[in-house]
């Protein structure tokens, strides 16, 4: 038992569900430690991608996403989660302590929990059906509830500038041999509990939308014009750019993507333009108007007809949960 009223198996099941959270290259860069009355989230720096993610932004966003997934999963299981972010200043990788309290969870979002197993990163061109304004407003509210700001990029010149920044970031990163090596190590696999499998990849461009990252094993894009991509692009930002802000941005990304999934929308996160200093500045000044620090771009829309790729694999909790029986931190 975790406590007299909370079974360890229930907590482990919630952690297993939380593993479905998005993460850069599906690295799943986190570990958990279970204490008598709490669960602790740590960044796993052994899974950091320094060439792709020199600032550690993607890693911290990924950890924020899994933290939010855990809160949703625990709430659905009838466990209230009281989250203390960055609880130990002397231990930078200790990102959160989650107190576990039994009892009714009035704000438990069951549809959001059900969406966890249905959400996946869809890199295909989306249909031209518009995302309803009311849903866009709801997505923005979900981000705001997590301490972040979500800005739809609907003005044509801003969208064009954003697409150009994504293209530029891709060109800059592709010039680095270390970056190309990381992509080769973390994508194109046939099997495995992490990374981006070849079966989940599409050609380099989603229609006439943003360029897709050149993962190993992706189909080659031809030279013909892409079909129209009806995806709505949104910039997720925060007021500051420290670890707390990035953690909250990851929680907001999780909340937005799960809500979109619950509504029936497809989605994919785009971190590439935030991994390059020059294009990150463009997003801040020319796309977001200098009012927020961009942390992630989200692509949302209606999926095209046809079969979808399988869900990407996830590591079992036996690999991510440490010192289950005795850790008391």
C-alpha atoms as a PDB file:
ATOM      1  CA  UNK A   1       0.000   0.000   0.000  1.00  0.00           C
ATOM      2  CA  UNK A   2       1.133   3.568  -0.718  1.00  0.00           C
ATOM      3  CA  UNK A   3      -1.140   4.702   2.110  1.00  0.00           C
ATOM      4  CA  UNK A   4      -3.823   2.933   4.085  1.00  0.00           C
ATOM      5  CA  UNK A   5      -6.346   3.897   1.397  1.00  0.00           C
ATOM      6  CA  UNK A   6      -4.295   3.908  -1.834  1.00  0.00           C
ATOM      7  CA  UNK A   7      -3.010   0.692  -3.392  1.00  0.00           C
ATOM      8  CA  UNK A   8       0.405   0.630  -5.034  1.00  0.00           C
ATOM      9  CA  UNK A   9      -1.105  -1.150  -8.039  1.00  0.00           C
ATOM     10  CA  UNK A  10      -3.449   1.796  -8.627  1.00  0.00           C
ATOM     11  CA  UNK A  11      -0.565   4.259  -8.555  1.00  0.00           C
ATOM     12  CA  UNK A  12       1.505   2.084 -10.887  1.00  0.00           C
ATOM     13  CA  UNK A  13      -1.428   1.847 -13.296  1.00  0.00           C
ATOM     14  CA  UNK A  14      -1.714   5.661 -13.305  1.00  0.00           C
ATOM     15  CA  UNK A  15       2.024   5.953 -13.949  1.00  0.00           C
ATOM     16  CA  UNK A  16       1.722   3.485 -16.810  1.00  0.00           C
ATOM     17  CA  UNK A  17      -1.039   5.567 -18.365  1.00  0.00           C
ATOM     18  CA  UNK A  18       0.971   8.756 -17.866  1.00  0.00           C
ATOM     19  CA  UNK A  19       3.785   7.212 -19.928  1.00  0.00           C
ATOM     20  CA  UNK A  20       1.646   7.918 -23.018  1.00  0.00           C
ATOM     21  CA  UNK A  21       2.633  11.597 -22.751  1.00  0.00           C
ATOM     22  CA  UNK A  22       4.413  13.255 -25.659  1.00  0.00           C
ATOM     23  CA  UNK A  23       8.191  13.553 -25.460  1.00  0.00           C
ATOM     24  CA  UNK A  24      10.901  14.730 -27.819  1.00  0.00           C
ATOM     25  CA  UNK A  25      11.756  11.849 -30.210  1.00  0.00           C
ATOM     26  CA  UNK A  26       9.736   9.640 -27.819  1.00  0.00           C
ATOM     27  CA  UNK A  27      12.765   9.591 -25.506  1.00  0.00           C
ATOM     28  CA  UNK A  28      10.548   9.536 -22.373  1.00  0.00           C
ATOM     29  CA  UNK A  29      13.237  11.422 -20.384  1.00  0.00           C
ATOM     30  CA  UNK A  30      11.882  10.901 -16.887  1.00  0.00           C
ATOM     31  CA  UNK A  31      12.039   8.620 -13.881  1.00  0.00           C
ATOM     32  CA  UNK A  32       9.690   8.245 -10.923  1.00  0.00           C
ATOM     33  CA  UNK A  33      10.310   7.449  -7.282  1.00  0.00           C
ATOM     34  CA  UNK A  34       7.483   6.274  -5.057  1.00  0.00           C
ATOM     35  CA  UNK A  35       7.505   7.358  -1.414  1.00  0.00           C
ATOM     36  CA  UNK A  36       5.023   6.328   1.324  1.00  0.00           C
ATOM     37  CA  UNK A  37       2.589   9.162   0.525  1.00  0.00           C
ATOM     38  CA  UNK A  38       3.848  10.670  -2.718  1.00  0.00           C
ATOM     39  CA  UNK A  39       5.343  10.169  -6.150  1.00  0.00           C
ATOM     40  CA  UNK A  40       8.402  12.106  -7.296  1.00  0.00           C
ATOM     41  CA  UNK A  41       9.275  13.103 -10.861  1.00  0.00           C
ATOM     42  CA  UNK A  42      12.911  13.381 -11.944  1.00  0.00           C
ATOM     43  CA  UNK A  43      14.437  14.430 -15.249  1.00  0.00           C
ATOM     44  CA  UNK A  44      16.486  11.608 -16.766  1.00  0.00           C
ATOM     45  CA  UNK A  45      19.494  13.420 -18.231  1.00  0.00           C
ATOM     46  CA  UNK A  46      20.795  10.201 -19.752  1.00  0.00           C
ATOM     47  CA  UNK A  47      17.998  10.674 -22.319  1.00  0.00           C
ATOM     48  CA  UNK A  48      18.789  14.313 -23.059  1.00  0.00           C
ATOM     49  CA  UNK A  49      19.474  15.130 -26.726  1.00  0.00           C
ATOM     50  CA  UNK A  50      22.142  17.866 -26.581  1.00  0.00           C
ATOM     51  CA  UNK A  51      22.429  18.380 -30.343  1.00  0.00           C
ATOM     52  CA  UNK A  52      18.663  18.610 -30.870  1.00  0.00           C
ATOM     53  CA  UNK A  53      17.818  20.279 -27.581  1.00  0.00           C
ATOM     54  CA  UNK A  54      20.859  22.281 -26.412  1.00  0.00           C
ATOM     55  CA  UNK A  55      18.910  24.263 -23.797  1.00  0.00           C
ATOM     56  CA  UNK A  56      17.086  21.241 -22.340  1.00  0.00           C
ATOM     57  CA  UNK A  57      13.771  22.886 -23.258  1.00  0.00           C
ATOM     58  CA  UNK A  58      12.330  19.804 -24.958  1.00  0.00           C
ATOM     59  CA  UNK A  59      13.335  17.593 -22.045  1.00  0.00           C
ATOM     60  CA  UNK A  60      11.636  19.815 -19.475  1.00  0.00           C
ATOM     61  CA  UNK A  61       8.525  20.221 -21.644  1.00  0.00           C
ATOM     62  CA  UNK A  62       8.345  16.439 -21.962  1.00  0.00           C
ATOM     63  CA  UNK A  63       8.522  16.066 -18.194  1.00  0.00           C
ATOM     64  CA  UNK A  64       5.784  18.667 -17.769  1.00  0.00           C
ATOM     65  CA  UNK A  65       3.572  16.704 -20.163  1.00  0.00           C
ATOM     66  CA  UNK A  66       4.009  13.449 -18.249  1.00  0.00           C
ATOM     67  CA  UNK A  67       3.348  15.288 -14.975  1.00  0.00           C
ATOM     68  CA  UNK A  68      -0.004  16.539 -16.283  1.00  0.00           C
ATOM     69  CA  UNK A  69      -0.849  13.114 -17.696  1.00  0.00           C
ATOM     70  CA  UNK A  70      -0.243  11.651 -14.228  1.00  0.00           C
ATOM     71  CA  UNK A  71      -2.553  14.187 -12.577  1.00  0.00           C
ATOM     72  CA  UNK A  72      -5.306  13.331 -15.050  1.00  0.00           C
ATOM     73  CA  UNK A  73      -4.801   9.579 -14.613  1.00  0.00           C
ATOM     74  CA  UNK A  74      -4.771   9.812 -10.807  1.00  0.00           C
ATOM     75  CA  UNK A  75      -7.918  11.946 -10.786  1.00  0.00           C
ATOM     76  CA  UNK A  76      -9.741   9.379 -12.890  1.00  0.00           C
ATOM     77  CA  UNK A  77      -8.680   6.719 -10.378  1.00  0.00           C
ATOM     78  CA  UNK A  78     -10.101   8.729  -7.468  1.00  0.00           C
ATOM     79  CA  UNK A  79      -6.789  10.027  -6.156  1.00  0.00           C
ATOM     80  CA  UNK A  80      -6.265  13.731  -5.600  1.00  0.00           C
ATOM     81  CA  UNK A  81      -2.834  14.933  -6.680  1.00  0.00           C
ATOM     82  CA  UNK A  82      -1.292  17.897  -4.872  1.00  0.00           C
ATOM     83  CA  UNK A  83       1.696  18.957  -6.955  1.00  0.00           C
ATOM     84  CA  UNK A  84       4.781  20.707  -5.607  1.00  0.00           C
ATOM     85  CA  UNK A  85       6.947  21.792  -8.545  1.00  0.00           C
ATOM     86  CA  UNK A  86      10.720  22.090  -8.092  1.00  0.00           C
ATOM     87  CA  UNK A  87      10.456  21.042  -4.440  1.00  0.00           C
ATOM     88  CA  UNK A  88      14.195  20.793  -3.794  1.00  0.00           C
ATOM     89  CA  UNK A  89      16.333  23.726  -5.037  1.00  0.00           C
ATOM     90  CA  UNK A  90      19.483  21.748  -4.272  1.00  0.00           C
ATOM     91  CA  UNK A  91      18.416  18.954  -6.640  1.00  0.00           C
ATOM     92  CA  UNK A  92      17.757  20.468 -10.054  1.00  0.00           C
ATOM     93  CA  UNK A  93      16.485  17.264 -11.643  1.00  0.00           C
ATOM     94  CA  UNK A  94      13.807  16.766  -8.951  1.00  0.00           C
ATOM     95  CA  UNK A  95      11.026  18.421 -10.928  1.00  0.00           C
ATOM     96  CA  UNK A  96       7.937  17.620  -8.875  1.00  0.00           C
ATOM     97  CA  UNK A  97       6.635  15.957  -5.747  1.00  0.00           C
ATOM     98  CA  UNK A  98       3.055  14.717  -6.098  1.00  0.00           C
ATOM     99  CA  UNK A  99       1.221  14.164  -2.805  1.00  0.00           C
ATOM    100  CA  UNK A 100      -1.402  11.438  -3.024  1.00  0.00           C
ATOM    101  CA  UNK A 101      -4.687  11.981  -1.196  1.00  0.00           C
ATOM    102  CA  UNK A 102      -7.579   9.505  -1.372  1.00  0.00           C
ATOM    103  CA  UNK A 103     -11.161  10.580  -1.835  1.00  0.00           C
ATOM    104  CA  UNK A 104     -13.446  12.100  -4.400  1.00  0.00           C
ATOM    105  CA  UNK A 105     -11.833  14.317  -7.017  1.00  0.00           C
ATOM    106  CA  UNK A 106     -14.532  16.866  -7.934  1.00  0.00           C
ATOM    107  CA  UNK A 107     -12.627  18.236 -10.919  1.00  0.00           C
ATOM    108  CA  UNK A 108     -11.593  14.841 -12.332  1.00  0.00           C
ATOM    109  CA  UNK A 109     -11.807  14.975 -16.117  1.00  0.00           C
ATOM    110  CA  UNK A 110     -12.785  11.467 -17.196  1.00  0.00           C
ATOM    111  CA  UNK A 111     -12.984  12.280 -20.939  1.00  0.00           C
ATOM    112  CA  UNK A 112      -9.465  13.699 -20.720  1.00  0.00           C
ATOM    113  CA  UNK A 113      -8.219  10.491 -19.080  1.00  0.00           C
ATOM    114  CA  UNK A 114      -9.910   8.424 -21.784  1.00  0.00           C
ATOM    115  CA  UNK A 115      -8.163  10.548 -24.419  1.00  0.00           C
ATOM    116  CA  UNK A 116      -4.703   9.603 -23.126  1.00  0.00           C
ATOM    117  CA  UNK A 117      -4.706   6.258 -24.912  1.00  0.00           C
ATOM    118  CA  UNK A 118      -6.165   7.756 -28.108  1.00  0.00           C
ATOM    119  CA  UNK A 119      -3.783  10.675 -28.552  1.00  0.00           C
ATOM    120  CA  UNK A 120      -0.911  10.223 -30.962  1.00  0.00           C
ATOM    121  CA  UNK A 121       1.313  12.473 -33.062  1.00  0.00           C
ATOM    122  CA  UNK A 122      -0.266  12.671 -36.518  1.00  0.00           C
ATOM    123  CA  UNK A 123       2.226  13.992 -39.072  1.00  0.00           C
ATOM    124  CA  UNK A 124      -0.095  13.677 -42.080  1.00  0.00           C
ATOM    125  CA  UNK A 125      -1.711  16.627 -43.886  1.00  0.00           C
ATOM    126  CA  UNK A 126      -5.006  17.481 -42.188  1.00  0.00           C
ATOM    127  CA  UNK A 127      -8.250  18.200 -44.004  1.00  0.00           C
ATOM    128  CA  UNK A 128      -9.339  21.777 -44.734  1.00  0.00           C
ATOM    129  CA  UNK A 129     -12.307  21.629 -42.390  1.00  0.00           C
ATOM    130  CA  UNK A 130     -11.827  24.468 -39.904  1.00  0.00           C
ATOM    131  CA  UNK A 131     -11.453  23.923 -36.188  1.00  0.00           C
ATOM    132  CA  UNK A 132     -14.543  25.573 -34.602  1.00  0.00           C
ATOM    133  CA  UNK A 133     -13.890  28.902 -32.900  1.00  0.00           C
ATOM    134  CA  UNK A 134     -15.473  27.594 -29.709  1.00  0.00           C
ATOM    135  CA  UNK A 135     -13.025  24.704 -29.570  1.00  0.00           C
ATOM    136  CA  UNK A 136     -10.086  27.037 -30.180  1.00  0.00           C
ATOM    137  CA  UNK A 137     -11.259  29.143 -27.249  1.00  0.00           C
ATOM    138  CA  UNK A 138     -11.491  26.006 -25.086  1.00  0.00           C
ATOM    139  CA  UNK A 139      -7.941  24.997 -26.033  1.00  0.00           C
ATOM    140  CA  UNK A 140      -6.697  28.443 -25.071  1.00  0.00           C
ATOM    141  CA  UNK A 141      -8.544  28.204 -21.753  1.00  0.00           C
ATOM    142  CA  UNK A 142      -6.953  24.791 -21.065  1.00  0.00           C
ATOM    143  CA  UNK A 143      -3.501  26.264 -21.604  1.00  0.00           C
ATOM    144  CA  UNK A 144      -4.307  29.240 -19.412  1.00  0.00           C
ATOM    145  CA  UNK A 145      -5.428  26.977 -16.571  1.00  0.00           C
ATOM    146  CA  UNK A 146      -1.911  25.493 -16.578  1.00  0.00           C
ATOM    147  CA  UNK A 147      -0.154  28.850 -16.443  1.00  0.00           C
ATOM    148  CA  UNK A 148       0.628  29.217 -20.148  1.00  0.00           C
ATOM    149  CA  UNK A 149      -0.675  31.205 -23.118  1.00  0.00           C
ATOM    150  CA  UNK A 150      -1.877  29.642 -26.380  1.00  0.00           C
ATOM    151  CA  UNK A 151      -1.926  31.904 -29.443  1.00  0.00           C
ATOM    152  CA  UNK A 152      -3.635  30.734 -32.668  1.00  0.00           C
ATOM    153  CA  UNK A 153      -1.622  31.789 -35.714  1.00  0.00           C
ATOM    154  CA  UNK A 154      -4.421  32.679 -38.115  1.00  0.00           C
ATOM    155  CA  UNK A 155      -3.190  35.883 -39.759  1.00  0.00           C
ATOM    156  CA  UNK A 156      -1.774  34.835 -43.167  1.00  0.00           C
ATOM    157  CA  UNK A 157       1.521  36.724 -42.953  1.00  0.00           C
ATOM    158  CA  UNK A 158       2.185  35.396 -39.431  1.00  0.00           C
ATOM    159  CA  UNK A 159       1.483  31.835 -40.565  1.00  0.00           C
ATOM    160  CA  UNK A 160       3.815  32.305 -43.541  1.00  0.00           C
ATOM    161  CA  UNK A 161       6.545  33.611 -41.222  1.00  0.00           C
ATOM    162  CA  UNK A 162       6.036  30.690 -38.866  1.00  0.00           C
ATOM    163  CA  UNK A 163       6.286  28.144 -41.689  1.00  0.00           C
ATOM    164  CA  UNK A 164       9.440  29.846 -42.942  1.00  0.00           C
ATOM    165  CA  UNK A 165      10.957  29.698 -39.450  1.00  0.00           C
ATOM    166  CA  UNK A 166      10.256  25.967 -39.237  1.00  0.00           C
ATOM    167  CA  UNK A 167      11.940  25.468 -42.632  1.00  0.00           C
ATOM    168  CA  UNK A 168      14.931  27.537 -41.518  1.00  0.00           C
ATOM    169  CA  UNK A 169      15.324  25.653 -38.245  1.00  0.00           C
ATOM    170  CA  UNK A 170      15.282  22.393 -40.165  1.00  0.00           C
ATOM    171  CA  UNK A 171      18.016  23.604 -42.540  1.00  0.00           C
ATOM    172  CA  UNK A 172      20.199  24.834 -39.683  1.00  0.00           C
ATOM    173  CA  UNK A 173      19.894  21.646 -37.651  1.00  0.00           C
ATOM    174  CA  UNK A 174      20.513  19.402 -40.662  1.00  0.00           C
ATOM    175  CA  UNK A 175      23.950  20.978 -41.061  1.00  0.00           C
ATOM    176  CA  UNK A 176      25.104  19.418 -37.779  1.00  0.00           C
ATOM    177  CA  UNK A 177      26.505  15.898 -37.846  1.00  0.00           C
ATOM    178  CA  UNK A 178      25.734  15.395 -34.137  1.00  0.00           C
ATOM    179  CA  UNK A 179      22.111  16.296 -34.800  1.00  0.00           C
ATOM    180  CA  UNK A 180      21.863  13.836 -37.683  1.00  0.00           C
ATOM    181  CA  UNK A 181      23.421  11.159 -35.476  1.00  0.00           C
ATOM    182  CA  UNK A 182      20.795  11.730 -32.774  1.00  0.00           C
ATOM    183  CA  UNK A 183      18.016  11.388 -35.324  1.00  0.00           C
ATOM    184  CA  UNK A 184      19.499   8.135 -36.578  1.00  0.00           C
ATOM    185  CA  UNK A 185      19.739   6.780 -33.033  1.00  0.00           C
ATOM    186  CA  UNK A 186      16.194   7.705 -32.048  1.00  0.00           C
ATOM    187  CA  UNK A 187      14.139   7.032 -35.178  1.00  0.00           C
ATOM    188  CA  UNK A 188      13.525   4.538 -37.932  1.00  0.00           C
ATOM    189  CA  UNK A 189      13.558   1.484 -35.688  1.00  0.00           C
ATOM    190  CA  UNK A 190      11.414  -1.560 -36.322  1.00  0.00           C
ATOM    191  CA  UNK A 191      10.864  -2.386 -32.644  1.00  0.00           C
ATOM    192  CA  UNK A 192      11.708  -1.064 -29.195  1.00  0.00           C
ATOM    193  CA  UNK A 193      10.049   0.678 -26.241  1.00  0.00           C
ATOM    194  CA  UNK A 194      11.135   4.204 -27.216  1.00  0.00           C
ATOM    195  CA  UNK A 195      12.158   6.327 -30.181  1.00  0.00           C
ATOM    196  CA  UNK A 196      10.087   7.030 -33.299  1.00  0.00           C
ATOM    197  CA  UNK A 197       9.432   3.843 -35.316  1.00  0.00           C
ATOM    198  CA  UNK A 198       9.521   3.919 -39.104  1.00  0.00           C
ATOM    199  CA  UNK A 199       5.864   2.814 -39.128  1.00  0.00           C
ATOM    200  CA  UNK A 200       4.859   6.151 -37.541  1.00  0.00           C
ATOM    201  CA  UNK A 201       6.604   8.364 -40.062  1.00  0.00           C
ATOM    202  CA  UNK A 202       5.380  10.118 -43.191  1.00  0.00           C
ATOM    203  CA  UNK A 203       7.120  12.121 -45.898  1.00  0.00           C
ATOM    204  CA  UNK A 204       8.979  15.241 -44.856  1.00  0.00           C
ATOM    205  CA  UNK A 205       6.084  17.649 -45.369  1.00  0.00           C
ATOM    206  CA  UNK A 206       2.499  17.596 -44.175  1.00  0.00           C
ATOM    207  CA  UNK A 207       0.906  18.726 -47.424  1.00  0.00           C
ATOM    208  CA  UNK A 208       1.691  22.405 -47.953  1.00  0.00           C
ATOM    209  CA  UNK A 209       2.053  22.821 -44.192  1.00  0.00           C
ATOM    210  CA  UNK A 210       5.141  22.836 -41.987  1.00  0.00           C
ATOM    211  CA  UNK A 211       8.142  20.721 -42.908  1.00  0.00           C
ATOM    212  CA  UNK A 212       8.388  17.518 -40.925  1.00  0.00           C
ATOM    213  CA  UNK A 213      11.630  16.595 -39.221  1.00  0.00           C
ATOM    214  CA  UNK A 214      13.819  14.314 -41.382  1.00  0.00           C
ATOM    215  CA  UNK A 215      13.596  11.229 -39.176  1.00  0.00           C
ATOM    216  CA  UNK A 216      15.491   8.126 -40.208  1.00  0.00           C
ATOM    217  CA  UNK A 217      13.277   5.688 -42.085  1.00  0.00           C
ATOM    218  CA  UNK A 218      10.738   8.301 -43.225  1.00  0.00           C
ATOM    219  CA  UNK A 219       9.375   7.955 -46.774  1.00  0.00           C
ATOM    220  CA  UNK A 220      11.003  10.240 -49.310  1.00  0.00           C
ATOM    221  CA  UNK A 221       8.953  13.289 -50.284  1.00  0.00           C
ATOM    222  CA  UNK A 222       8.505  13.784 -54.019  1.00  0.00           C
ATOM    223  CA  UNK A 223       8.757  17.111 -55.801  1.00  0.00           C
ATOM    224  CA  UNK A 224       5.057  17.464 -56.529  1.00  0.00           C
ATOM    225  CA  UNK A 225       3.103  20.169 -54.692  1.00  0.00           C
ATOM    226  CA  UNK A 226       1.679  18.997 -51.402  1.00  0.00           C
ATOM    227  CA  UNK A 227      -2.037  18.812 -50.850  1.00  0.00           C
ATOM    228  CA  UNK A 228      -3.501  21.681 -48.810  1.00  0.00           C
ATOM    229  CA  UNK A 229      -2.882  21.271 -45.102  1.00  0.00           C
ATOM    230  CA  UNK A 230      -5.806  22.551 -43.080  1.00  0.00           C
ATOM    231  CA  UNK A 231      -3.992  22.337 -39.747  1.00  0.00           C
ATOM    232  CA  UNK A 232      -4.419  25.171 -37.293  1.00  0.00           C
ATOM    233  CA  UNK A 233      -1.039  26.273 -35.908  1.00  0.00           C
ATOM    234  CA  UNK A 234      -0.845  27.564 -32.353  1.00  0.00           C
ATOM    235  CA  UNK A 235       2.114  28.958 -30.423  1.00  0.00           C
ATOM    236  CA  UNK A 236       2.306  27.938 -26.770  1.00  0.00           C
ATOM    237  CA  UNK A 237       4.174  30.428 -24.624  1.00  0.00           C
ATOM    238  CA  UNK A 238       4.969  31.513 -21.094  1.00  0.00           C
ATOM    239  CA  UNK A 239       5.889  34.761 -19.363  1.00  0.00           C
ATOM    240  CA  UNK A 240       9.389  33.540 -18.456  1.00  0.00           C
ATOM    241  CA  UNK A 241      11.884  30.990 -19.738  1.00  0.00           C
ATOM    242  CA  UNK A 242      13.087  29.126 -16.669  1.00  0.00           C
ATOM    243  CA  UNK A 243      12.598  25.491 -15.681  1.00  0.00           C
ATOM    244  CA  UNK A 244       9.305  26.241 -13.928  1.00  0.00           C
ATOM    245  CA  UNK A 245       7.955  27.941 -17.052  1.00  0.00           C
ATOM    246  CA  UNK A 246       8.966  25.055 -19.286  1.00  0.00           C
ATOM    247  CA  UNK A 247       7.456  22.534 -16.892  1.00  0.00           C
ATOM    248  CA  UNK A 248       4.178  24.456 -16.888  1.00  0.00           C
ATOM    249  CA  UNK A 249       4.316  24.745 -20.688  1.00  0.00           C
ATOM    250  CA  UNK A 250       4.609  20.954 -20.894  1.00  0.00           C
ATOM    251  CA  UNK A 251       1.586  20.584 -18.614  1.00  0.00           C
ATOM    252  CA  UNK A 252      -0.311  23.044 -20.796  1.00  0.00           C
ATOM    253  CA  UNK A 253       0.657  21.163 -23.969  1.00  0.00           C
ATOM    254  CA  UNK A 254      -0.671  17.960 -22.411  1.00  0.00           C
ATOM    255  CA  UNK A 255      -3.942  19.639 -21.432  1.00  0.00           C
ATOM    256  CA  UNK A 256      -4.420  21.146 -24.902  1.00  0.00           C
ATOM    257  CA  UNK A 257      -3.561  17.987 -26.834  1.00  0.00           C
ATOM    258  CA  UNK A 258      -5.776  15.777 -24.666  1.00  0.00           C
ATOM    259  CA  UNK A 259      -8.700  18.182 -24.949  1.00  0.00           C
ATOM    260  CA  UNK A 260      -8.238  18.290 -28.709  1.00  0.00           C
ATOM    261  CA  UNK A 261      -8.190  14.492 -28.803  1.00  0.00           C
ATOM    262  CA  UNK A 262     -11.332  14.267 -26.679  1.00  0.00           C
ATOM    263  CA  UNK A 263     -13.081  16.522 -29.197  1.00  0.00           C
ATOM    264  CA  UNK A 264     -11.986  14.261 -32.073  1.00  0.00           C
ATOM    265  CA  UNK A 265      -9.138  16.365 -33.447  1.00  0.00           C
ATOM    266  CA  UNK A 266      -5.746  15.147 -34.590  1.00  0.00           C
ATOM    267  CA  UNK A 267      -2.581  16.896 -33.447  1.00  0.00           C
ATOM    268  CA  UNK A 268       1.184  17.024 -33.462  1.00  0.00           C
ATOM    269  CA  UNK A 269       3.673  19.093 -31.451  1.00  0.00           C
ATOM    270  CA  UNK A 270       6.394  20.939 -33.388  1.00  0.00           C
ATOM    271  CA  UNK A 271       9.438  21.770 -31.283  1.00  0.00           C
ATOM    272  CA  UNK A 272      11.997  22.286 -34.053  1.00  0.00           C
ATOM    273  CA  UNK A 273      11.721  26.101 -34.448  1.00  0.00           C
ATOM    274  CA  UNK A 274      12.220  26.480 -30.679  1.00  0.00           C
ATOM    275  CA  UNK A 275      15.432  24.410 -30.681  1.00  0.00           C
ATOM    276  CA  UNK A 276      17.334  27.012 -32.738  1.00  0.00           C
ATOM    277  CA  UNK A 277      18.043  30.393 -31.148  1.00  0.00           C
ATOM    278  CA  UNK A 278      17.522  32.411 -34.340  1.00  0.00           C
ATOM    279  CA  UNK A 279      14.126  30.948 -35.209  1.00  0.00           C
ATOM    280  CA  UNK A 280      13.006  31.032 -31.577  1.00  0.00           C
ATOM    281  CA  UNK A 281      13.622  34.789 -31.672  1.00  0.00           C
ATOM    282  CA  UNK A 282      11.588  35.063 -34.883  1.00  0.00           C
ATOM    283  CA  UNK A 283       8.675  33.273 -33.225  1.00  0.00           C
ATOM    284  CA  UNK A 284       8.883  35.540 -30.204  1.00  0.00           C
ATOM    285  CA  UNK A 285       9.161  38.843 -32.066  1.00  0.00           C
ATOM    286  CA  UNK A 286       7.453  38.307 -35.434  1.00  0.00           C
ATOM    287  CA  UNK A 287       4.833  35.634 -34.742  1.00  0.00           C
ATOM    288  CA  UNK A 288       3.910  36.128 -31.074  1.00  0.00           C
ATOM    289  CA  UNK A 289       4.399  39.896 -31.165  1.00  0.00           C
ATOM    290  CA  UNK A 290       7.022  39.936 -28.432  1.00  0.00           C
ATOM    291  CA  UNK A 291       4.437  39.362 -25.714  1.00  0.00           C
ATOM    292  CA  UNK A 292       5.315  35.799 -24.630  1.00  0.00           C
ATOM    293  CA  UNK A 293       8.284  33.430 -24.644  1.00  0.00           C
ATOM    294  CA  UNK A 294       7.417  30.703 -27.192  1.00  0.00           C
ATOM    295  CA  UNK A 295       7.920  27.180 -25.889  1.00  0.00           C
ATOM    296  CA  UNK A 296       6.221  24.940 -28.456  1.00  0.00           C
ATOM    297  CA  UNK A 297       4.161  25.026 -31.645  1.00  0.00           C
ATOM    298  CA  UNK A 298       1.054  22.840 -31.743  1.00  0.00           C
ATOM    299  CA  UNK A 299      -0.564  21.626 -34.946  1.00  0.00           C
ATOM    300  CA  UNK A 300      -4.258  20.745 -34.623  1.00  0.00           C
ATOM    301  CA  UNK A 301      -6.928  19.779 -37.135  1.00  0.00           C
ATOM    302  CA  UNK A 302      -9.116  17.087 -38.638  1.00  0.00           C
ATOM    303  CA  UNK A 303      -7.306  13.902 -39.632  1.00  0.00           C
ATOM    304  CA  UNK A 304      -7.561  12.670 -43.225  1.00  0.00           C
ATOM    305  CA  UNK A 305      -9.430   9.489 -44.075  1.00  0.00           C
ATOM    306  CA  UNK A 306      -7.553   6.216 -44.208  1.00  0.00           C
ATOM    307  CA  UNK A 307      -5.661   3.913 -41.870  1.00  0.00           C
ATOM    308  CA  UNK A 308      -3.604   5.502 -39.140  1.00  0.00           C
ATOM    309  CA  UNK A 309      -0.151   4.331 -38.030  1.00  0.00           C
ATOM    310  CA  UNK A 310       0.080   2.331 -34.793  1.00  0.00           C
ATOM    311  CA  UNK A 311       0.644   4.085 -31.495  1.00  0.00           C
ATOM    312  CA  UNK A 312       4.292   4.675 -30.696  1.00  0.00           C
ATOM    313  CA  UNK A 313       5.726   2.327 -28.061  1.00  0.00           C
ATOM    314  CA  UNK A 314       6.337   3.263 -24.449  1.00  0.00           C
ATOM    315  CA  UNK A 315       8.709   1.945 -21.791  1.00  0.00           C
ATOM    316  CA  UNK A 316       7.144  -0.194 -19.058  1.00  0.00           C
ATOM    317  CA  UNK A 317       6.964   1.240 -15.554  1.00  0.00           C
ATOM    318  CA  UNK A 318       9.543  -1.323 -14.473  1.00  0.00           C
ATOM    319  CA  UNK A 319      12.081   0.794 -16.381  1.00  0.00           C
ATOM    320  CA  UNK A 320      10.940   4.221 -15.212  1.00  0.00           C
ATOM    321  CA  UNK A 321       9.875   3.662 -11.584  1.00  0.00           C
ATOM    322  CA  UNK A 322      12.824   3.411  -9.187  1.00  0.00           C
ATOM    323  CA  UNK A 323      13.155   2.352  -5.552  1.00  0.00           C
ATOM    324  CA  UNK A 324       9.458   1.595  -5.268  1.00  0.00           C
ATOM    325  CA  UNK A 325       9.654  -0.149  -1.912  1.00  0.00           C
ATOM    326  CA  UNK A 326      11.777   2.140   0.214  1.00  0.00           C
ATOM    327  CA  UNK A 327      12.346   5.604  -1.276  1.00  0.00           C
ATOM    328  CA  UNK A 328      11.091   8.181   1.212  1.00  0.00           C
ATOM    329  CA  UNK A 329      12.141  11.421  -0.426  1.00  0.00           C
END
